[in-house]
């Protein structure tokens, strides 16, 4: 059994390094969105934290952004009932922070998310959506549209 003071110090260390303490007895820590951290990785994080610079912060932020983008994309796939490991109706996606939009790129002709699926996407926090087809046409949807409007959206040329 680990004593309370040591456990509290391990928890404090975990917070400092953006980790979750999983098992204090084993020294298992887990980053917020990654697999378990090995003791060597933990030592690297401690050293990096001591030698923290603005450039390190920039690199760390870039890594976290990539992980967050993957998480958001996984959620979009779920909202649209697309199996992550299955066939997708598009090869790529993008987002824009300035208008809270997402875009599915080079979409197969004829595919589009249903009104209900878009409602789930809006719940993630997006306000707009573009479905950009391989033939250079596109559909545009907004969070405030009605189902009647959704059913009358027409393809436009890009």
Protein backbone atom coordinates (compact mmCIF):
# COMPACT_ATOMS: atom_id res chain seq x y z
CA UNK A 1 0.00 0.00 0.00
CA UNK A 2 1.24 3.46 -0.91
CA UNK A 3 1.12 6.17 1.76
CA UNK A 4 -1.18 9.17 1.35
CA UNK A 5 1.63 11.75 1.18
CA UNK A 6 3.38 9.90 -1.66
CA UNK A 7 0.07 9.42 -3.47
CA UNK A 8 -0.67 13.16 -3.19
CA UNK A 9 2.78 14.00 -4.59
CA UNK A 10 2.22 11.60 -7.50
CA UNK A 11 -1.17 13.20 -8.20
CA UNK A 12 0.41 16.66 -8.10
CA UNK A 13 3.11 15.49 -10.53
CA UNK A 14 0.48 14.02 -12.82
CA UNK A 15 -1.43 17.32 -12.95
CA UNK A 16 1.76 19.27 -13.60
CA UNK A 17 2.58 17.02 -16.55
CA UNK A 18 -0.99 16.86 -17.91
CA UNK A 19 -1.35 13.20 -16.99
CA UNK A 20 -3.95 11.13 -15.19
CA UNK A 21 -2.67 8.92 -12.38
CA UNK A 22 -4.04 5.44 -13.14
CA UNK A 23 -2.34 3.21 -10.59
CA UNK A 24 -0.05 4.77 -7.98
CA UNK A 25 1.34 1.39 -6.88
CA UNK A 26 2.58 0.62 -10.39
CA UNK A 27 3.43 4.22 -11.26
CA UNK A 28 1.04 4.11 -14.23
CA UNK A 29 0.20 7.48 -15.69
CA UNK A 30 -1.90 8.21 -18.78
CA UNK A 31 -1.92 11.39 -20.86
CA UNK A 32 -5.35 12.87 -21.46
CA UNK A 33 -5.73 11.36 -24.95
CA UNK A 34 -2.93 8.78 -25.29
CA UNK A 35 -1.96 5.33 -24.09
CA UNK A 36 -0.03 4.65 -20.88
CA UNK A 37 3.22 6.52 -20.33
CA UNK A 38 6.31 4.45 -19.68
CA UNK A 39 8.65 5.47 -16.85
CA UNK A 40 11.16 6.68 -19.47
CA UNK A 41 8.51 8.85 -21.12
CA UNK A 42 7.60 10.20 -17.70
CA UNK A 43 11.24 11.15 -17.07
CA UNK A 44 11.33 12.86 -20.51
CA UNK A 45 8.24 14.88 -19.56
CA UNK A 46 9.79 15.91 -16.24
CA UNK A 47 12.98 17.07 -18.01
CA UNK A 48 10.97 18.85 -20.72
CA UNK A 49 8.90 20.58 -18.06
CA UNK A 50 12.06 21.85 -16.33
CA UNK A 51 13.47 23.09 -19.66
CA UNK A 52 10.18 24.50 -20.90
CA UNK A 53 10.44 27.24 -23.51
CA UNK A 54 7.95 29.07 -25.64
CA UNK A 55 9.02 26.90 -28.59
CA UNK A 56 8.36 23.73 -26.56
CA UNK A 57 4.90 25.13 -25.80
CA UNK A 58 4.33 25.69 -29.53
CA UNK A 59 5.36 22.12 -30.38
CA UNK A 60 3.29 20.66 -27.54
CA UNK A 61 0.28 22.66 -28.71
CA UNK A 62 0.72 21.39 -32.28
CA UNK A 63 0.79 17.80 -31.04
CA UNK A 64 -2.32 18.33 -28.92
CA UNK A 65 -4.11 20.06 -31.80
CA UNK A 66 -3.45 17.07 -34.06
CA UNK A 67 -4.83 14.73 -31.43
CA UNK A 68 -7.88 16.94 -30.90
CA UNK A 69 -8.50 17.14 -34.66
CA UNK A 70 -8.47 13.34 -34.80
CA UNK A 71 -10.97 13.20 -31.94
CA UNK A 72 -13.28 15.74 -33.63
CA UNK A 73 -13.10 13.83 -36.92
CA UNK A 74 -13.97 10.58 -35.13
CA UNK A 75 -17.01 12.31 -33.63
CA UNK A 76 -18.05 13.67 -37.04
CA UNK A 77 -17.84 10.17 -38.48
CA UNK A 78 -20.01 8.87 -35.64
CA UNK A 79 -22.53 11.66 -36.18
CA UNK A 80 -22.79 10.68 -39.86
CA UNK A 81 -22.97 6.93 -39.08
CA UNK A 82 -19.69 6.25 -40.90
CA UNK A 83 -17.52 3.40 -39.63
CA UNK A 84 -13.98 4.69 -38.97
CA UNK A 85 -12.55 1.40 -40.25
CA UNK A 86 -15.01 1.02 -43.14
CA UNK A 87 -15.41 2.73 -46.49
CA UNK A 88 -15.84 6.50 -46.33
CA UNK A 89 -17.79 8.50 -48.93
CA UNK A 90 -14.98 11.12 -48.90
CA UNK A 91 -11.19 10.99 -48.46
CA UNK A 92 -10.62 14.20 -46.56
CA UNK A 93 -12.16 16.86 -44.37
CA UNK A 94 -11.35 20.33 -43.11
CA UNK A 95 -12.64 22.89 -40.63
CA UNK A 96 -12.49 26.66 -40.22
CA UNK A 97 -12.47 28.19 -36.76
CA UNK A 98 -13.58 31.64 -37.96
CA UNK A 99 -17.05 30.46 -39.05
CA UNK A 100 -17.26 27.21 -37.04
CA UNK A 101 -17.65 25.16 -40.23
CA UNK A 102 -16.56 21.77 -41.44
CA UNK A 103 -16.20 20.46 -44.95
CA UNK A 104 -16.13 16.99 -46.42
CA UNK A 105 -13.89 17.04 -49.51
CA UNK A 106 -14.09 15.07 -52.77
CA UNK A 107 -17.33 13.41 -51.72
CA UNK A 108 -18.84 10.61 -53.82
CA UNK A 109 -21.69 11.87 -56.00
CA UNK A 110 -25.05 11.32 -54.33
CA UNK A 111 -23.89 11.02 -50.73
CA UNK A 112 -24.91 13.61 -48.18
CA UNK A 113 -25.54 13.55 -44.45
CA UNK A 114 -29.17 13.30 -43.42
CA UNK A 115 -30.90 16.12 -41.58
CA UNK A 116 -30.70 14.09 -38.34
CA UNK A 117 -26.99 13.42 -38.86
CA UNK A 118 -26.33 17.14 -39.36
CA UNK A 119 -28.24 17.88 -36.16
CA UNK A 120 -25.73 15.65 -34.36
CA UNK A 121 -22.85 17.56 -36.01
CA UNK A 122 -24.32 20.86 -34.80
CA UNK A 123 -24.34 19.43 -31.26
CA UNK A 124 -20.54 19.11 -31.51
CA UNK A 125 -20.40 22.90 -31.90
CA UNK A 126 -20.26 23.41 -35.66
CA UNK A 127 -22.51 26.03 -37.32
CA UNK A 128 -21.94 25.35 -41.03
CA UNK A 129 -21.16 22.48 -43.36
CA UNK A 130 -20.00 22.12 -46.94
CA UNK A 131 -20.27 18.87 -48.85
CA UNK A 132 -17.83 19.26 -51.76
CA UNK A 133 -18.28 16.65 -54.48
CA UNK A 134 -15.69 15.24 -56.84
CA UNK A 135 -17.43 16.95 -59.79
CA UNK A 136 -16.80 20.44 -58.29
CA UNK A 137 -20.35 20.92 -57.05
CA UNK A 138 -21.23 21.48 -53.43
CA UNK A 139 -24.03 21.60 -50.90
CA UNK A 140 -24.07 24.12 -48.07
CA UNK A 141 -25.94 23.70 -44.78
CA UNK A 142 -26.29 25.86 -41.68
CA UNK A 143 -27.24 25.04 -38.12
CA UNK A 144 -30.36 27.21 -38.23
CA UNK A 145 -31.90 25.55 -41.30
CA UNK A 146 -35.21 23.73 -41.07
CA UNK A 147 -35.81 20.24 -42.39
CA UNK A 148 -37.88 21.76 -45.20
CA UNK A 149 -34.93 23.96 -46.19
CA UNK A 150 -32.58 20.95 -45.98
CA UNK A 151 -34.79 19.05 -48.44
CA UNK A 152 -34.65 21.96 -50.91
CA UNK A 153 -30.90 22.66 -50.88
CA UNK A 154 -29.58 22.64 -54.44
CA UNK A 155 -26.13 21.82 -55.73
CA UNK A 156 -24.03 24.83 -56.66
CA UNK A 157 -20.90 24.96 -58.81
CA UNK A 158 -17.62 25.62 -56.99
